């Protein structure tokens, strides 16, 4: 069966299914391009910024600025760009940056969720309408006669919309689960990288505070 046959025999429900499939494919290709860029460069950016932060904190700010076109770079740059913030403020900046980046990573999920929910229902609706048209054209007196020969063919054609709806929903669900797995992986990466950066900053903050307010030496009286 060709694509043209599916369009011709799918009934009225095939057109909204075609629209949903276009939406789903657009979201899928957009997310595939996004995640390919994120995952291929992420480890290099993470190691570059963290290694620089261990050696020179000020230089790490410049490295993070150079990678602002990547989610990991923006995640690091937001707190690093602050001017000597308190550790609590640094922690809040990390959380806010992570929330912003994870929200961007969820873009397109609502489209796929809608397609997954609506496609089987539209396919079922098309089948029901096809059955109504096929069975409504015969009467009880026609059963068993040659006039009902085309009913079986009509029922088979009415199931095309259900099959099309299931195919669209299954493909969308597969990619939706894949993107969710990528997202959960990013949550773990952000949590680990944020904890390491915050620990490094707290150590730096403690050293700076100690240098500003050195502990007075106790004079022992004999």
Protein backbone atom coordinates (compact mmCIF):
# COMPACT_ATOMS: atom_id res chain seq x y z
CA UNK A 1 0.00 0.00 0.00
CA UNK A 2 1.41 3.33 -1.05
CA UNK A 3 1.23 6.62 0.79
CA UNK A 4 -1.37 7.85 -1.70
CA UNK A 5 -3.54 4.78 -0.94
CA UNK A 6 -3.37 5.56 2.77
CA UNK A 7 -4.47 9.14 2.12
CA UNK A 8 -7.30 8.04 -0.19
CA UNK A 9 -8.63 5.24 2.01
CA UNK A 10 -7.83 6.61 5.47
CA UNK A 11 -10.94 8.75 5.66
CA UNK A 12 -11.42 12.13 7.23
CA UNK A 13 -9.22 11.34 10.27
CA UNK A 14 -6.11 10.85 8.15
CA UNK A 15 -5.65 14.59 7.61
CA UNK A 16 -5.35 15.58 11.29
CA UNK A 17 -3.11 12.52 11.74
CA UNK A 18 -0.91 13.76 8.93
CA UNK A 19 -0.73 17.18 10.61
CA UNK A 20 0.22 15.58 13.95
CA UNK A 21 2.88 13.46 12.27
CA UNK A 22 4.44 16.59 10.75
CA UNK A 23 4.45 18.28 14.15
CA UNK A 24 6.01 15.22 15.75
CA UNK A 25 8.73 14.89 13.11
CA UNK A 26 9.56 18.57 13.40
CA UNK A 27 9.95 18.27 17.18
CA UNK A 28 11.95 15.04 16.84
CA UNK A 29 14.46 16.45 14.34
CA UNK A 30 14.83 19.63 16.37
CA UNK A 31 15.57 17.68 19.56
CA UNK A 32 17.92 15.26 17.80
CA UNK A 33 19.96 18.19 16.50
CA UNK A 34 19.93 19.83 19.95
CA UNK A 35 20.97 16.71 21.88
CA UNK A 36 23.68 15.79 19.37
CA UNK A 37 25.32 19.19 20.01
CA UNK A 38 24.88 18.94 23.77
CA UNK A 39 26.21 15.42 24.26
CA UNK A 40 29.13 15.63 21.84
CA UNK A 41 30.64 18.77 23.42
CA UNK A 42 29.52 18.50 27.01
CA UNK A 43 32.38 16.47 28.49
CA UNK A 44 35.04 18.64 26.84
CA UNK A 45 33.42 21.84 28.14
CA UNK A 46 32.92 20.44 31.61
CA UNK A 47 36.52 19.29 31.96
CA UNK A 48 37.89 22.52 30.49
CA UNK A 49 36.00 24.79 32.91
CA UNK A 50 36.57 22.65 36.01
CA UNK A 51 40.29 22.19 35.33
CA UNK A 52 40.68 25.93 34.81
CA UNK A 53 38.69 26.67 38.00
CA UNK A 54 41.05 24.47 40.02
CA UNK A 55 44.07 26.35 38.72
CA UNK A 56 42.77 29.90 38.28
CA UNK A 57 39.28 30.97 39.28
CA UNK A 58 39.31 34.20 37.29
CA UNK A 59 40.41 32.41 34.13
CA UNK A 60 37.50 29.96 34.55
CA UNK A 61 35.08 32.87 34.11
CA UNK A 62 36.57 33.65 30.71
CA UNK A 63 36.49 30.00 29.65
CA UNK A 64 32.83 29.73 30.65
CA UNK A 65 32.08 32.94 28.73
CA UNK A 66 33.57 31.40 25.58
CA UNK A 67 31.18 28.43 25.86
CA UNK A 68 27.96 30.38 26.46
CA UNK A 69 26.42 28.92 23.31
CA UNK A 70 26.31 25.53 25.09
CA UNK A 71 24.01 24.66 28.04
CA UNK A 72 26.94 23.53 30.19
CA UNK A 73 28.82 26.75 29.50
CA UNK A 74 25.80 28.89 30.43
CA UNK A 75 25.25 26.78 33.55
CA UNK A 76 28.77 27.53 34.77
CA UNK A 77 28.90 31.12 33.56
CA UNK A 78 25.86 32.32 35.53
CA UNK A 79 27.38 31.81 39.02
CA UNK A 80 30.98 32.40 37.91
CA UNK A 81 30.09 35.81 36.54
CA UNK A 82 28.94 37.06 39.95
CA UNK A 83 31.29 39.40 41.79
CA UNK A 84 32.43 37.63 44.96
CA UNK A 85 28.98 36.40 46.02
CA UNK A 86 28.35 34.72 49.34
CA UNK A 87 28.23 30.91 49.19
CA UNK A 88 24.45 30.89 49.63
CA UNK A 89 24.02 33.30 46.72
CA UNK A 90 26.41 31.21 44.63
CA UNK A 91 24.31 28.13 45.41
CA UNK A 92 21.07 29.89 44.40
CA UNK A 93 22.67 31.05 41.15
CA UNK A 94 23.65 27.46 40.34
CA UNK A 95 20.11 26.23 40.99
CA UNK A 96 18.56 29.01 38.90
CA UNK A 97 20.95 28.34 36.00
CA UNK A 98 20.23 24.60 36.14
CA UNK A 99 16.46 25.20 36.14
CA UNK A 100 16.73 27.49 33.11
CA UNK A 101 18.82 25.04 31.11
CA UNK A 102 16.66 22.03 32.00
CA UNK A 103 13.57 23.99 30.97
CA UNK A 104 15.18 24.61 27.57
CA UNK A 105 15.96 20.91 27.29
CA UNK A 106 12.28 20.08 27.80
CA UNK A 107 11.27 22.13 24.77
CA UNK A 108 9.27 20.02 22.35
CA UNK A 109 8.12 17.55 25.01
CA UNK A 110 4.61 19.03 25.13
CA UNK A 111 4.25 18.59 21.38
CA UNK A 112 5.24 14.93 21.57
CA UNK A 113 2.98 14.36 24.57
CA UNK A 114 0.02 15.82 22.67
CA UNK A 115 0.77 13.70 19.59
CA UNK A 116 1.08 10.54 21.70
CA UNK A 117 -2.28 11.21 23.35
CA UNK A 118 -4.26 12.37 20.31
CA UNK A 119 -3.02 10.09 17.52
CA UNK A 120 -4.62 6.81 18.74
CA UNK A 121 -7.88 8.61 19.51
CA UNK A 122 -8.04 10.19 16.06
CA UNK A 123 -7.24 6.84 14.48
CA UNK A 124 -10.03 5.20 16.46
CA UNK A 125 -12.42 7.99 15.49
CA UNK A 126 -11.58 7.44 11.83
CA UNK A 127 -12.27 3.73 12.20
CA UNK A 128 -15.61 4.32 13.89
CA UNK A 129 -16.67 6.77 11.17
CA UNK A 130 -15.58 4.30 8.50
CA UNK A 131 -17.59 1.50 10.12
CA UNK A 132 -20.62 3.73 10.33
CA UNK A 133 -20.38 4.49 6.63
CA UNK A 134 -19.80 0.85 5.69
CA UNK A 135 -22.53 -0.67 7.83
CA UNK A 136 -25.04 2.14 7.40
CA UNK A 137 -25.41 1.45 3.71
CA UNK A 138 -26.84 -2.07 4.17
CA UNK A 139 -30.01 -3.41 5.66
CA UNK A 140 -30.85 -6.68 7.41
CA UNK A 141 -32.49 -8.03 4.25
CA UNK A 142 -29.20 -7.59 2.38
CA UNK A 143 -27.20 -9.87 4.70
CA UNK A 144 -25.77 -12.86 2.90
CA UNK A 145 -26.39 -11.40 -0.52
CA UNK A 146 -23.98 -10.01 -3.08
CA UNK A 147 -24.79 -6.46 -2.00
CA UNK A 148 -22.73 -6.95 1.19
CA UNK A 149 -19.61 -8.06 -0.64
CA UNK A 150 -18.04 -4.66 -0.37
CA UNK A 151 -18.69 -4.32 3.36
CA UNK A 152 -15.65 -6.40 4.32
CA UNK A 153 -13.43 -4.27 2.11
CA UNK A 154 -14.92 -1.13 3.62
CA UNK A 155 -14.25 -2.36 7.16
CA UNK A 156 -10.66 -3.18 6.26
CA UNK A 157 -10.14 0.27 4.82
CA UNK A 158 -11.66 1.90 7.89
CA UNK A 159 -8.95 0.31 10.05
CA UNK A 160 -6.25 2.20 8.14
CA UNK A 161 -6.74 5.31 10.27
CA UNK A 162 -6.32 3.30 13.49
CA UNK A 163 -3.11 1.76 12.20
CA UNK A 164 -1.82 5.17 11.11
CA UNK A 165 -2.65 6.69 14.50
CA UNK A 166 -0.84 3.88 16.32
CA UNK A 167 2.24 4.21 14.12
CA UNK A 168 2.46 7.96 14.75
CA UNK A 169 1.96 7.47 18.49
CA UNK A 170 4.52 4.65 18.77
CA UNK A 171 7.24 6.56 16.92
CA UNK A 172 6.57 9.70 18.95
CA UNK A 173 6.61 7.73 22.21
CA UNK A 174 9.91 6.04 21.36
CA UNK A 175 11.67 9.35 20.76
CA UNK A 176 9.94 10.97 23.73
CA UNK A 177 11.36 8.29 26.04
CA UNK A 178 14.78 8.72 24.46
CA UNK A 179 14.74 12.47 25.07
CA UNK A 180 13.55 11.91 28.65
CA UNK A 181 16.52 9.60 29.23
CA UNK A 182 18.86 12.31 27.93
CA UNK A 183 17.17 14.84 30.24
CA UNK A 184 17.54 12.66 33.33
CA UNK A 185 21.19 12.15 32.45
CA UNK A 186 21.66 15.91 32.26
CA UNK A 187 20.05 16.35 35.67
CA UNK A 188 22.67 14.04 37.17
CA UNK A 189 25.48 15.80 35.31
CA UNK A 190 24.33 19.25 36.43
CA UNK A 191 23.93 18.08 40.02
CA UNK A 192 27.44 16.57 40.12
CA UNK A 193 29.13 19.47 38.30
CA UNK A 194 27.28 22.05 40.41
CA UNK A 195 28.27 20.32 43.65
CA UNK A 196 31.93 20.17 42.61
CA UNK A 197 31.96 23.84 41.59
CA UNK A 198 30.17 24.94 44.75
CA UNK A 199 32.59 22.99 46.95
CA UNK A 200 35.52 24.59 45.17
CA UNK A 201 34.00 28.04 45.63
CA UNK A 202 33.30 27.48 49.32
CA UNK A 203 36.93 26.49 49.84
CA UNK A 204 38.04 29.61 47.96
CA UNK A 205 35.62 31.76 49.97
CA UNK A 206 36.93 30.34 53.24
CA UNK A 207 40.52 31.05 52.21
CA UNK A 208 39.67 34.64 51.26
CA UNK A 209 37.82 35.25 54.53
CA UNK A 210 40.71 33.75 56.49
CA UNK A 211 43.19 36.02 54.73
CA UNK A 212 41.04 39.07 55.52
CA UNK A 213 40.54 38.17 59.18
CA UNK A 214 43.54 36.16 60.35
CA UNK A 215 43.12 34.47 63.71
CA UNK A 216 45.14 36.35 66.35
CA UNK A 217 47.86 34.39 67.94
CA UNK A 218 47.31 33.50 71.55
CA UNK A 219 49.96 34.70 73.91
CA UNK A 220 50.81 32.07 76.46
CA UNK A 221 51.67 33.43 79.84
CA UNK A 222 54.14 31.51 81.86
